[in-house]
């Protein structure tokens, strides 16, 4: 899922429209490293909760993180390929450069990169089956499928306006719960509820992306929620995602009195890192002005996950 792009438009070297001659810097650009914070955050939270319960396993946690990174990168490649084929990445897009659209990488090469990256992610899932059983494979397959179907296929999820829901689920409870389960071999309800916060903040990143790209998405038939219901809806959705995410911690502590982790209230301080992005989203009328908000919201997600992990393990 296109949980985040990068900030301002970078300037990777271009090649001929044939797509030949792509360098490692091209592929690093296509992988969109800044999007990896959205994959890192739920793994950090799930691992911190496993650590607090005496179930932390460093090699397993690292394997989960590798799998999460591969799925995110594969999804970014799939988006680059799928949006190009469907015309959502036009020459006048306001976001960062897409390599297939720019002719730096051919569609066939990008598709091959997508397949190989998802195959590697599936390999990581298979390696973890001996420890945690078939649920790991199920989560891996469903996560990969959602990444592929987000922009590829006859009815891509992102083009139907379902991207927000799938980002919430797979970057939230599924990612946090899956990380905890692989280490502890169980998944209590508080773990799943804790996953709502990173899921909501990942949705906030997606909303900024959709607000910026709304004109081009509408032309290409990409019916995101912003295209369906308008920019005002998108702004309200962003603000709601951020504010509700900060309320997950007090709800968690009040709903399960047995959870004696008051230090986790520290995570609410992440709201301060998101105040300026909220103001920009609420007032900006220029699509390109939202590019820095993508990176700022991703950093807010990172701050939240780090503070949550510290607070939960105190």
C-alpha atoms as a PDB file:
ATOM      1  CA  UNK A   1       0.000   0.000   0.000  1.00  0.00           C
ATOM      2  CA  UNK A   2       1.172   3.464  -0.795  1.00  0.00           C
ATOM      3  CA  UNK A   3       1.319   4.417   2.795  1.00  0.00           C
ATOM      4  CA  UNK A   4       3.766   7.246   2.080  1.00  0.00           C
ATOM      5  CA  UNK A   5       5.788   8.759  -0.708  1.00  0.00           C
ATOM      6  CA  UNK A   6       8.822  10.911  -0.078  1.00  0.00           C
ATOM      7  CA  UNK A   7       8.827  14.625   0.592  1.00  0.00           C
ATOM      8  CA  UNK A   8       9.894  16.975  -2.173  1.00  0.00           C
ATOM      9  CA  UNK A   9      10.453  15.680  -5.687  1.00  0.00           C
ATOM     10  CA  UNK A  10      13.943  14.116  -5.816  1.00  0.00           C
ATOM     11  CA  UNK A  11      16.048  14.178  -8.948  1.00  0.00           C
ATOM     12  CA  UNK A  12      17.282  10.684  -9.743  1.00  0.00           C
ATOM     13  CA  UNK A  13      19.262  10.336 -12.951  1.00  0.00           C
ATOM     14  CA  UNK A  14      17.156   9.592 -15.987  1.00  0.00           C
ATOM     15  CA  UNK A  15      17.742   7.046 -18.711  1.00  0.00           C
ATOM     16  CA  UNK A  16      16.207   6.508 -22.098  1.00  0.00           C
ATOM     17  CA  UNK A  17      12.486   5.670 -22.448  1.00  0.00           C
ATOM     18  CA  UNK A  18      13.460   2.083 -23.134  1.00  0.00           C
ATOM     19  CA  UNK A  19      13.955   1.616 -19.404  1.00  0.00           C
ATOM     20  CA  UNK A  20      17.509   0.301 -19.893  1.00  0.00           C
ATOM     21  CA  UNK A  21      20.480   1.296 -17.803  1.00  0.00           C
ATOM     22  CA  UNK A  22      18.771   1.639 -14.440  1.00  0.00           C
ATOM     23  CA  UNK A  23      21.283   2.013 -11.603  1.00  0.00           C
ATOM     24  CA  UNK A  24      21.162   1.085  -7.933  1.00  0.00           C
ATOM     25  CA  UNK A  25      20.216   4.678  -7.163  1.00  0.00           C
ATOM     26  CA  UNK A  26      17.174   4.263  -9.414  1.00  0.00           C
ATOM     27  CA  UNK A  27      16.090   1.152  -7.543  1.00  0.00           C
ATOM     28  CA  UNK A  28      16.708   2.772  -4.189  1.00  0.00           C
ATOM     29  CA  UNK A  29      14.471   5.623  -5.321  1.00  0.00           C
ATOM     30  CA  UNK A  30      11.784   3.187  -6.513  1.00  0.00           C
ATOM     31  CA  UNK A  31      11.890   1.367  -3.159  1.00  0.00           C
ATOM     32  CA  UNK A  32      10.975   4.698  -1.476  1.00  0.00           C
ATOM     33  CA  UNK A  33      13.032   4.287   1.715  1.00  0.00           C
ATOM     34  CA  UNK A  34      10.954   6.813   3.659  1.00  0.00           C
ATOM     35  CA  UNK A  35       7.922   4.563   3.334  1.00  0.00           C
ATOM     36  CA  UNK A  36       9.715   1.919   5.391  1.00  0.00           C
ATOM     37  CA  UNK A  37       8.955   3.779   8.622  1.00  0.00           C
ATOM     38  CA  UNK A  38       5.332   2.699   8.184  1.00  0.00           C
ATOM     39  CA  UNK A  39       6.542  -0.924   8.088  1.00  0.00           C
ATOM     40  CA  UNK A  40       9.027  -0.446  10.936  1.00  0.00           C
ATOM     41  CA  UNK A  41       6.637   1.165  13.441  1.00  0.00           C
ATOM     42  CA  UNK A  42       4.225  -1.762  14.030  1.00  0.00           C
ATOM     43  CA  UNK A  43       7.110  -4.248  14.241  1.00  0.00           C
ATOM     44  CA  UNK A  44       8.748  -2.076  16.900  1.00  0.00           C
ATOM     45  CA  UNK A  45       5.515  -1.847  18.901  1.00  0.00           C
ATOM     46  CA  UNK A  46       4.781  -5.564  18.669  1.00  0.00           C
ATOM     47  CA  UNK A  47       8.352  -6.460  19.620  1.00  0.00           C
ATOM     48  CA  UNK A  48       8.327  -4.068  22.590  1.00  0.00           C
ATOM     49  CA  UNK A  49       5.139  -5.668  23.880  1.00  0.00           C
ATOM     50  CA  UNK A  50       6.674  -9.133  23.437  1.00  0.00           C
ATOM     51  CA  UNK A  51       9.787  -7.956  25.312  1.00  0.00           C
ATOM     52  CA  UNK A  52       7.694  -6.684  28.217  1.00  0.00           C
ATOM     53  CA  UNK A  53       6.023 -10.116  28.426  1.00  0.00           C
ATOM     54  CA  UNK A  54       9.347 -11.946  28.391  1.00  0.00           C
ATOM     55  CA  UNK A  55       8.778 -13.365  24.903  1.00  0.00           C
ATOM     56  CA  UNK A  56      11.119 -11.219  22.813  1.00  0.00           C
ATOM     57  CA  UNK A  57      13.217 -13.151  20.297  1.00  0.00           C
ATOM     58  CA  UNK A  58      15.719 -10.936  18.468  1.00  0.00           C
ATOM     59  CA  UNK A  59      16.351 -13.177  15.413  1.00  0.00           C
ATOM     60  CA  UNK A  60      12.614 -13.694  14.936  1.00  0.00           C
ATOM     61  CA  UNK A  61      11.906  -9.968  15.319  1.00  0.00           C
ATOM     62  CA  UNK A  62      14.572  -9.159  12.740  1.00  0.00           C
ATOM     63  CA  UNK A  63      13.092 -11.723  10.338  1.00  0.00           C
ATOM     64  CA  UNK A  64       9.650 -10.148  10.762  1.00  0.00           C
ATOM     65  CA  UNK A  65      11.118  -6.699  10.133  1.00  0.00           C
ATOM     66  CA  UNK A  66      12.846  -7.953   6.982  1.00  0.00           C
ATOM     67  CA  UNK A  67       9.584  -9.451   5.761  1.00  0.00           C
ATOM     68  CA  UNK A  68       7.723  -6.214   6.502  1.00  0.00           C
ATOM     69  CA  UNK A  69      10.311  -4.186   4.593  1.00  0.00           C
ATOM     70  CA  UNK A  70      10.159  -6.538   1.607  1.00  0.00           C
ATOM     71  CA  UNK A  71       6.352  -6.381   1.488  1.00  0.00           C
ATOM     72  CA  UNK A  72       6.450  -2.570   1.639  1.00  0.00           C
ATOM     73  CA  UNK A  73       9.086  -2.351  -1.090  1.00  0.00           C
ATOM     74  CA  UNK A  74       7.196  -4.862  -3.228  1.00  0.00           C
ATOM     75  CA  UNK A  75       4.036  -2.804  -2.787  1.00  0.00           C
ATOM     76  CA  UNK A  76       5.902   0.347  -3.847  1.00  0.00           C
ATOM     77  CA  UNK A  77       7.149  -1.419  -6.972  1.00  0.00           C
ATOM     78  CA  UNK A  78       3.628  -2.692  -7.691  1.00  0.00           C
ATOM     79  CA  UNK A  79       2.228   0.837  -7.296  1.00  0.00           C
ATOM     80  CA  UNK A  80       4.844   2.211  -9.676  1.00  0.00           C
ATOM     81  CA  UNK A  81       3.861  -0.425 -12.234  1.00  0.00           C
ATOM     82  CA  UNK A  82       0.083  -0.423 -11.710  1.00  0.00           C
ATOM     83  CA  UNK A  83      -0.439   3.339 -11.591  1.00  0.00           C
ATOM     84  CA  UNK A  84       1.591   3.725 -14.788  1.00  0.00           C
ATOM     85  CA  UNK A  85      -0.557   1.203 -16.662  1.00  0.00           C
ATOM     86  CA  UNK A  86      -3.783   2.818 -15.485  1.00  0.00           C
ATOM     87  CA  UNK A  87      -2.663   6.371 -16.226  1.00  0.00           C
ATOM     88  CA  UNK A  88      -2.686   7.638 -12.647  1.00  0.00           C
ATOM     89  CA  UNK A  89       0.983   8.629 -12.965  1.00  0.00           C
ATOM     90  CA  UNK A  90       0.778  11.299 -15.651  1.00  0.00           C
ATOM     91  CA  UNK A  91       3.474  13.767 -16.664  1.00  0.00           C
ATOM     92  CA  UNK A  92       1.899  16.488 -14.499  1.00  0.00           C
ATOM     93  CA  UNK A  93       1.796  14.533 -11.223  1.00  0.00           C
ATOM     94  CA  UNK A  94       2.638  16.641  -8.170  1.00  0.00           C
ATOM     95  CA  UNK A  95       4.351  13.883  -6.220  1.00  0.00           C
ATOM     96  CA  UNK A  96       7.818  12.348  -6.405  1.00  0.00           C
ATOM     97  CA  UNK A  97       9.019  10.915  -9.691  1.00  0.00           C
ATOM     98  CA  UNK A  98       7.805   7.414 -10.581  1.00  0.00           C
ATOM     99  CA  UNK A  99      10.390   5.421 -12.484  1.00  0.00           C
ATOM    100  CA  UNK A 100       8.088   3.558 -14.867  1.00  0.00           C
ATOM    101  CA  UNK A 101       6.225   6.729 -15.809  1.00  0.00           C
ATOM    102  CA  UNK A 102       9.543   8.528 -16.374  1.00  0.00           C
ATOM    103  CA  UNK A 103      10.876   5.799 -18.660  1.00  0.00           C
ATOM    104  CA  UNK A 104      13.781   5.037 -16.344  1.00  0.00           C
ATOM    105  CA  UNK A 105      12.553   1.472 -15.764  1.00  0.00           C
ATOM    106  CA  UNK A 106      10.416  -0.433 -18.255  1.00  0.00           C
ATOM    107  CA  UNK A 107       7.029  -1.805 -17.125  1.00  0.00           C
ATOM    108  CA  UNK A 108       8.256  -5.367 -17.660  1.00  0.00           C
ATOM    109  CA  UNK A 109      11.322  -4.799 -15.496  1.00  0.00           C
ATOM    110  CA  UNK A 110       9.266  -3.171 -12.743  1.00  0.00           C
ATOM    111  CA  UNK A 111       6.833  -6.077 -12.794  1.00  0.00           C
ATOM    112  CA  UNK A 112       9.720  -8.543 -12.506  1.00  0.00           C
ATOM    113  CA  UNK A 113      11.145  -6.580  -9.570  1.00  0.00           C
ATOM    114  CA  UNK A 114       7.721  -6.692  -7.917  1.00  0.00           C
ATOM    115  CA  UNK A 115       7.460 -10.461  -8.297  1.00  0.00           C
ATOM    116  CA  UNK A 116      10.985 -11.114  -7.015  1.00  0.00           C
ATOM    117  CA  UNK A 117      10.551  -8.847  -3.992  1.00  0.00           C
ATOM    118  CA  UNK A 118       7.254 -10.435  -2.986  1.00  0.00           C
ATOM    119  CA  UNK A 119       8.773 -13.884  -3.513  1.00  0.00           C
ATOM    120  CA  UNK A 120      11.533 -12.967  -1.072  1.00  0.00           C
ATOM    121  CA  UNK A 121       8.920 -11.768   1.434  1.00  0.00           C
ATOM    122  CA  UNK A 122       7.049 -15.045   1.058  1.00  0.00           C
ATOM    123  CA  UNK A 123      10.315 -16.874   1.662  1.00  0.00           C
ATOM    124  CA  UNK A 124      10.713 -15.073   4.989  1.00  0.00           C
ATOM    125  CA  UNK A 125       7.169 -16.122   5.960  1.00  0.00           C
ATOM    126  CA  UNK A 126       7.917 -19.728   5.078  1.00  0.00           C
ATOM    127  CA  UNK A 127      11.067 -19.616   7.217  1.00  0.00           C
ATOM    128  CA  UNK A 128       8.982 -18.593  10.237  1.00  0.00           C
ATOM    129  CA  UNK A 129       6.373 -21.332   9.845  1.00  0.00           C
ATOM    130  CA  UNK A 130       8.396 -23.863  11.820  1.00  0.00           C
ATOM    131  CA  UNK A 131       8.156 -21.571  14.819  1.00  0.00           C
ATOM    132  CA  UNK A 132       4.656 -20.113  14.618  1.00  0.00           C
ATOM    133  CA  UNK A 133       2.755 -22.370  12.220  1.00  0.00           C
ATOM    134  CA  UNK A 134       0.281 -21.637   9.436  1.00  0.00           C
ATOM    135  CA  UNK A 135      -0.981 -18.263  10.799  1.00  0.00           C
ATOM    136  CA  UNK A 136       2.353 -16.742   9.760  1.00  0.00           C
ATOM    137  CA  UNK A 137       1.942 -17.973   6.200  1.00  0.00           C
ATOM    138  CA  UNK A 138      -1.665 -16.748   6.119  1.00  0.00           C
ATOM    139  CA  UNK A 139      -0.687 -13.255   7.270  1.00  0.00           C
ATOM    140  CA  UNK A 140       2.194 -13.162   4.792  1.00  0.00           C
ATOM    141  CA  UNK A 141       0.062 -14.267   1.848  1.00  0.00           C
ATOM    142  CA  UNK A 142      -2.759 -11.842   2.697  1.00  0.00           C
ATOM    143  CA  UNK A 143      -0.316  -8.950   3.145  1.00  0.00           C
ATOM    144  CA  UNK A 144       1.335  -9.668  -0.195  1.00  0.00           C
ATOM    145  CA  UNK A 145      -2.038 -10.059  -1.900  1.00  0.00           C
ATOM    146  CA  UNK A 146      -3.229  -6.703  -0.578  1.00  0.00           C
ATOM    147  CA  UNK A 147       0.011  -5.084  -1.783  1.00  0.00           C
ATOM    148  CA  UNK A 148      -0.448  -6.496  -5.278  1.00  0.00           C
ATOM    149  CA  UNK A 149      -4.163  -5.814  -5.524  1.00  0.00           C
ATOM    150  CA  UNK A 150      -3.822  -2.239  -4.298  1.00  0.00           C
ATOM    151  CA  UNK A 151      -3.036  -0.993  -7.812  1.00  0.00           C
ATOM    152  CA  UNK A 152      -2.908  -4.123 -10.007  1.00  0.00           C
ATOM    153  CA  UNK A 153      -5.829  -6.117 -11.383  1.00  0.00           C
ATOM    154  CA  UNK A 154      -9.204  -5.375 -12.972  1.00  0.00           C
ATOM    155  CA  UNK A 155     -10.532  -3.729  -9.799  1.00  0.00           C
ATOM    156  CA  UNK A 156      -7.580  -2.523  -7.691  1.00  0.00           C
ATOM    157  CA  UNK A 157      -8.334  -1.774  -4.040  1.00  0.00           C
ATOM    158  CA  UNK A 158      -6.887   1.729  -4.257  1.00  0.00           C
ATOM    159  CA  UNK A 159      -9.085   2.546  -7.242  1.00  0.00           C
ATOM    160  CA  UNK A 160     -12.211   1.406  -5.404  1.00  0.00           C
ATOM    161  CA  UNK A 161     -11.577   3.596  -2.367  1.00  0.00           C
ATOM    162  CA  UNK A 162     -10.663   0.629  -0.147  1.00  0.00           C
ATOM    163  CA  UNK A 163      -7.035   1.595   0.353  1.00  0.00           C
ATOM    164  CA  UNK A 164      -7.681   3.375   3.654  1.00  0.00           C
ATOM    165  CA  UNK A 165      -9.308   0.306   5.204  1.00  0.00           C
ATOM    166  CA  UNK A 166      -6.582  -2.077   4.075  1.00  0.00           C
ATOM    167  CA  UNK A 167      -3.807   0.244   5.266  1.00  0.00           C
ATOM    168  CA  UNK A 168      -5.485   0.496   8.683  1.00  0.00           C
ATOM    169  CA  UNK A 169      -5.767  -3.279   9.001  1.00  0.00           C
ATOM    170  CA  UNK A 170      -2.415  -4.391   7.601  1.00  0.00           C
ATOM    171  CA  UNK A 171      -0.239  -1.586   8.987  1.00  0.00           C
ATOM    172  CA  UNK A 172      -2.100  -1.770  12.281  1.00  0.00           C
ATOM    173  CA  UNK A 173      -3.541  -4.765  14.159  1.00  0.00           C
ATOM    174  CA  UNK A 174      -2.278  -7.329  11.645  1.00  0.00           C
ATOM    175  CA  UNK A 175       1.313  -6.044  11.700  1.00  0.00           C
ATOM    176  CA  UNK A 176       1.499  -5.461  15.460  1.00  0.00           C
ATOM    177  CA  UNK A 177      -0.420  -8.627  16.308  1.00  0.00           C
ATOM    178  CA  UNK A 178       1.551 -10.712  13.844  1.00  0.00           C
ATOM    179  CA  UNK A 179       4.870  -9.464  15.211  1.00  0.00           C
ATOM    180  CA  UNK A 180       3.837 -10.284  18.769  1.00  0.00           C
ATOM    181  CA  UNK A 181       2.360 -13.663  17.834  1.00  0.00           C
ATOM    182  CA  UNK A 182       5.456 -14.927  16.044  1.00  0.00           C
ATOM    183  CA  UNK A 183       7.467 -14.307  19.218  1.00  0.00           C
ATOM    184  CA  UNK A 184       4.966 -15.134  21.979  1.00  0.00           C
ATOM    185  CA  UNK A 185       2.780 -17.672  20.096  1.00  0.00           C
ATOM    186  CA  UNK A 186      -0.341 -15.920  21.365  1.00  0.00           C
ATOM    187  CA  UNK A 187      -2.020 -12.596  20.696  1.00  0.00           C
ATOM    188  CA  UNK A 188      -4.004 -10.972  23.522  1.00  0.00           C
ATOM    189  CA  UNK A 189      -6.586  -8.305  22.762  1.00  0.00           C
ATOM    190  CA  UNK A 190      -4.522  -5.344  24.078  1.00  0.00           C
ATOM    191  CA  UNK A 191      -1.882  -6.090  21.439  1.00  0.00           C
ATOM    192  CA  UNK A 192      -4.423  -5.838  18.635  1.00  0.00           C
ATOM    193  CA  UNK A 193      -5.900  -2.635  20.070  1.00  0.00           C
ATOM    194  CA  UNK A 194      -2.409  -1.144  20.327  1.00  0.00           C
ATOM    195  CA  UNK A 195      -2.073  -1.757  16.596  1.00  0.00           C
ATOM    196  CA  UNK A 196      -4.854   0.710  15.832  1.00  0.00           C
ATOM    197  CA  UNK A 197      -2.594   3.713  16.445  1.00  0.00           C
ATOM    198  CA  UNK A 198       0.137   2.920  13.878  1.00  0.00           C
ATOM    199  CA  UNK A 199      -2.600   1.800  11.504  1.00  0.00           C
ATOM    200  CA  UNK A 200      -4.427   5.115  11.812  1.00  0.00           C
ATOM    201  CA  UNK A 201      -1.243   7.137  11.373  1.00  0.00           C
ATOM    202  CA  UNK A 202      -0.391   5.090   8.274  1.00  0.00           C
ATOM    203  CA  UNK A 203      -3.857   5.942   6.935  1.00  0.00           C
ATOM    204  CA  UNK A 204      -3.118   9.612   7.644  1.00  0.00           C
ATOM    205  CA  UNK A 205      -0.044   9.356   5.416  1.00  0.00           C
ATOM    206  CA  UNK A 206      -2.157   7.795   2.677  1.00  0.00           C
ATOM    207  CA  UNK A 207      -4.763  10.552   3.002  1.00  0.00           C
ATOM    208  CA  UNK A 208      -2.115  13.234   2.410  1.00  0.00           C
ATOM    209  CA  UNK A 209      -0.981  11.334  -0.669  1.00  0.00           C
ATOM    210  CA  UNK A 210      -4.581  11.142  -1.912  1.00  0.00           C
ATOM    211  CA  UNK A 211      -5.243  14.827  -1.232  1.00  0.00           C
ATOM    212  CA  UNK A 212      -2.186  15.776  -3.272  1.00  0.00           C
ATOM    213  CA  UNK A 213      -2.985  13.419  -6.148  1.00  0.00           C
ATOM    214  CA  UNK A 214      -6.767  13.943  -6.240  1.00  0.00           C
ATOM    215  CA  UNK A 215      -6.926  15.789  -9.613  1.00  0.00           C
ATOM    216  CA  UNK A 216      -4.850  13.171 -11.431  1.00  0.00           C
ATOM    217  CA  UNK A 217      -6.574  10.296  -9.645  1.00  0.00           C
ATOM    218  CA  UNK A 218      -9.979  11.588 -10.727  1.00  0.00           C
ATOM    219  CA  UNK A 219      -8.862  11.716 -14.372  1.00  0.00           C
ATOM    220  CA  UNK A 220      -7.505   8.150 -14.182  1.00  0.00           C
ATOM    221  CA  UNK A 221     -10.634   6.759 -12.505  1.00  0.00           C
ATOM    222  CA  UNK A 222      -8.845   6.163  -9.197  1.00  0.00           C
ATOM    223  CA  UNK A 223     -11.787   6.597  -6.833  1.00  0.00           C
ATOM    224  CA  UNK A 224     -10.029   7.204  -3.545  1.00  0.00           C
ATOM    225  CA  UNK A 225     -12.142   8.462  -0.658  1.00  0.00           C
ATOM    226  CA  UNK A 226     -10.859  11.977  -1.348  1.00  0.00           C
ATOM    227  CA  UNK A 227     -11.992  11.727  -4.977  1.00  0.00           C
ATOM    228  CA  UNK A 228     -15.358  10.260  -3.931  1.00  0.00           C
ATOM    229  CA  UNK A 229     -16.189  12.672  -1.110  1.00  0.00           C
ATOM    230  CA  UNK A 230     -14.016  15.720  -1.690  1.00  0.00           C
ATOM    231  CA  UNK A 231     -11.061  17.531  -0.174  1.00  0.00           C
ATOM    232  CA  UNK A 232     -12.944  18.595   2.946  1.00  0.00           C
ATOM    233  CA  UNK A 233     -13.631  14.946   3.733  1.00  0.00           C
ATOM    234  CA  UNK A 234      -9.927  14.171   3.246  1.00  0.00           C
ATOM    235  CA  UNK A 235      -8.866  16.931   5.620  1.00  0.00           C
ATOM    236  CA  UNK A 236     -11.312  15.761   8.284  1.00  0.00           C
ATOM    237  CA  UNK A 237     -10.160  12.166   7.786  1.00  0.00           C
ATOM    238  CA  UNK A 238      -6.531  13.175   8.315  1.00  0.00           C
ATOM    239  CA  UNK A 239      -7.285  15.098  11.489  1.00  0.00           C
ATOM    240  CA  UNK A 240      -9.472  12.277  12.799  1.00  0.00           C
ATOM    241  CA  UNK A 241      -6.788   9.654  12.153  1.00  0.00           C
ATOM    242  CA  UNK A 242      -4.162  11.638  14.068  1.00  0.00           C
ATOM    243  CA  UNK A 243      -6.394  12.539  17.001  1.00  0.00           C
ATOM    244  CA  UNK A 244      -7.936   9.077  17.395  1.00  0.00           C
ATOM    245  CA  UNK A 245      -4.483   7.492  17.212  1.00  0.00           C
ATOM    246  CA  UNK A 246      -3.364   9.546  20.217  1.00  0.00           C
ATOM    247  CA  UNK A 247      -6.413   8.338  22.170  1.00  0.00           C
ATOM    248  CA  UNK A 248      -5.624   4.646  21.669  1.00  0.00           C
ATOM    249  CA  UNK A 249      -3.281   4.580  24.676  1.00  0.00           C
ATOM    250  CA  UNK A 250      -5.725   5.954  27.303  1.00  0.00           C
ATOM    251  CA  UNK A 251      -8.490   3.726  25.917  1.00  0.00           C
ATOM    252  CA  UNK A 252      -6.139   0.756  26.148  1.00  0.00           C
ATOM    253  CA  UNK A 253      -5.286   1.473  29.767  1.00  0.00           C
ATOM    254  CA  UNK A 254      -8.883   2.135  30.807  1.00  0.00           C
ATOM    255  CA  UNK A 255     -10.407  -0.859  28.992  1.00  0.00           C
ATOM    256  CA  UNK A 256      -7.885  -3.312  30.475  1.00  0.00           C
ATOM    257  CA  UNK A 257      -7.201  -2.239  34.091  1.00  0.00           C
ATOM    258  CA  UNK A 258      -4.770  -5.135  34.407  1.00  0.00           C
ATOM    259  CA  UNK A 259      -2.432  -3.463  31.938  1.00  0.00           C
ATOM    260  CA  UNK A 260      -0.057  -1.682  34.322  1.00  0.00           C
ATOM    261  CA  UNK A 261       1.969   0.207  31.740  1.00  0.00           C
ATOM    262  CA  UNK A 262       1.347   3.862  32.608  1.00  0.00           C
ATOM    263  CA  UNK A 263       4.632   4.850  31.034  1.00  0.00           C
ATOM    264  CA  UNK A 264       3.069   4.224  27.636  1.00  0.00           C
ATOM    265  CA  UNK A 265       1.161   7.497  28.030  1.00  0.00           C
ATOM    266  CA  UNK A 266       4.438   8.998  26.846  1.00  0.00           C
ATOM    267  CA  UNK A 267       3.395   8.049  23.303  1.00  0.00           C
ATOM    268  CA  UNK A 268       0.715  10.731  23.351  1.00  0.00           C
ATOM    269  CA  UNK A 269       3.482  13.328  23.159  1.00  0.00           C
ATOM    270  CA  UNK A 270       3.855  12.352  19.493  1.00  0.00           C
ATOM    271  CA  UNK A 271       0.881  14.632  18.826  1.00  0.00           C
ATOM    272  CA  UNK A 272       3.203  17.622  19.153  1.00  0.00           C
ATOM    273  CA  UNK A 273       5.185  16.402  16.130  1.00  0.00           C
ATOM    274  CA  UNK A 274       1.980  16.361  14.088  1.00  0.00           C
ATOM    275  CA  UNK A 275       0.532  19.764  14.969  1.00  0.00           C
ATOM    276  CA  UNK A 276       2.185  21.580  12.065  1.00  0.00           C
ATOM    277  CA  UNK A 277       1.261  18.884   9.497  1.00  0.00           C
ATOM    278  CA  UNK A 278      -2.338  19.107  10.716  1.00  0.00           C
ATOM    279  CA  UNK A 279      -2.363  22.871  10.159  1.00  0.00           C
ATOM    280  CA  UNK A 280      -0.941  22.518   6.650  1.00  0.00           C
ATOM    281  CA  UNK A 281      -3.464  19.829   5.690  1.00  0.00           C
ATOM    282  CA  UNK A 282      -6.287  21.967   7.055  1.00  0.00           C
ATOM    283  CA  UNK A 283      -5.314  25.127   5.183  1.00  0.00           C
ATOM    284  CA  UNK A 284      -3.289  24.239   2.079  1.00  0.00           C
ATOM    285  CA  UNK A 285      -4.926  24.568  -1.327  1.00  0.00           C
ATOM    286  CA  UNK A 286      -1.802  23.759  -3.368  1.00  0.00           C
ATOM    287  CA  UNK A 287      -1.287  20.013  -3.955  1.00  0.00           C
ATOM    288  CA  UNK A 288       2.516  20.217  -4.142  1.00  0.00           C
ATOM    289  CA  UNK A 289       2.602  21.918  -0.730  1.00  0.00           C
ATOM    290  CA  UNK A 290       1.518  18.607   0.796  1.00  0.00           C
ATOM    291  CA  UNK A 291       4.721  16.807  -0.177  1.00  0.00           C
ATOM    292  CA  UNK A 292       6.566  17.806   3.037  1.00  0.00           C
ATOM    293  CA  UNK A 293       3.541  16.712   5.081  1.00  0.00           C
ATOM    294  CA  UNK A 294       4.042  13.124   3.898  1.00  0.00           C
ATOM    295  CA  UNK A 295       7.495  12.974   5.429  1.00  0.00           C
ATOM    296  CA  UNK A 296       6.401  14.867   8.550  1.00  0.00           C
ATOM    297  CA  UNK A 297       3.521  12.472   9.166  1.00  0.00           C
ATOM    298  CA  UNK A 298       5.834   9.484   8.674  1.00  0.00           C
ATOM    299  CA  UNK A 299       8.200  10.983  11.249  1.00  0.00           C
ATOM    300  CA  UNK A 300       5.259  11.453  13.599  1.00  0.00           C
ATOM    301  CA  UNK A 301       4.463   7.755  13.227  1.00  0.00           C
ATOM    302  CA  UNK A 302       8.084   6.911  14.009  1.00  0.00           C
ATOM    303  CA  UNK A 303       8.087   9.159  17.086  1.00  0.00           C
ATOM    304  CA  UNK A 304       4.864   7.547  18.287  1.00  0.00           C
ATOM    305  CA  UNK A 305       6.202   4.007  17.897  1.00  0.00           C
ATOM    306  CA  UNK A 306       9.498   4.797  19.648  1.00  0.00           C
ATOM    307  CA  UNK A 307       7.755   6.532  22.569  1.00  0.00           C
ATOM    308  CA  UNK A 308       5.228   3.687  22.819  1.00  0.00           C
ATOM    309  CA  UNK A 309       8.008   1.090  22.883  1.00  0.00           C
ATOM    310  CA  UNK A 310       9.942   2.993  25.547  1.00  0.00           C
ATOM    311  CA  UNK A 311       6.861   3.639  27.660  1.00  0.00           C
ATOM    312  CA  UNK A 312       5.598   0.038  27.428  1.00  0.00           C
ATOM    313  CA  UNK A 313       8.926  -1.451  28.506  1.00  0.00           C
ATOM    314  CA  UNK A 314       9.622   0.945  31.394  1.00  0.00           C
END
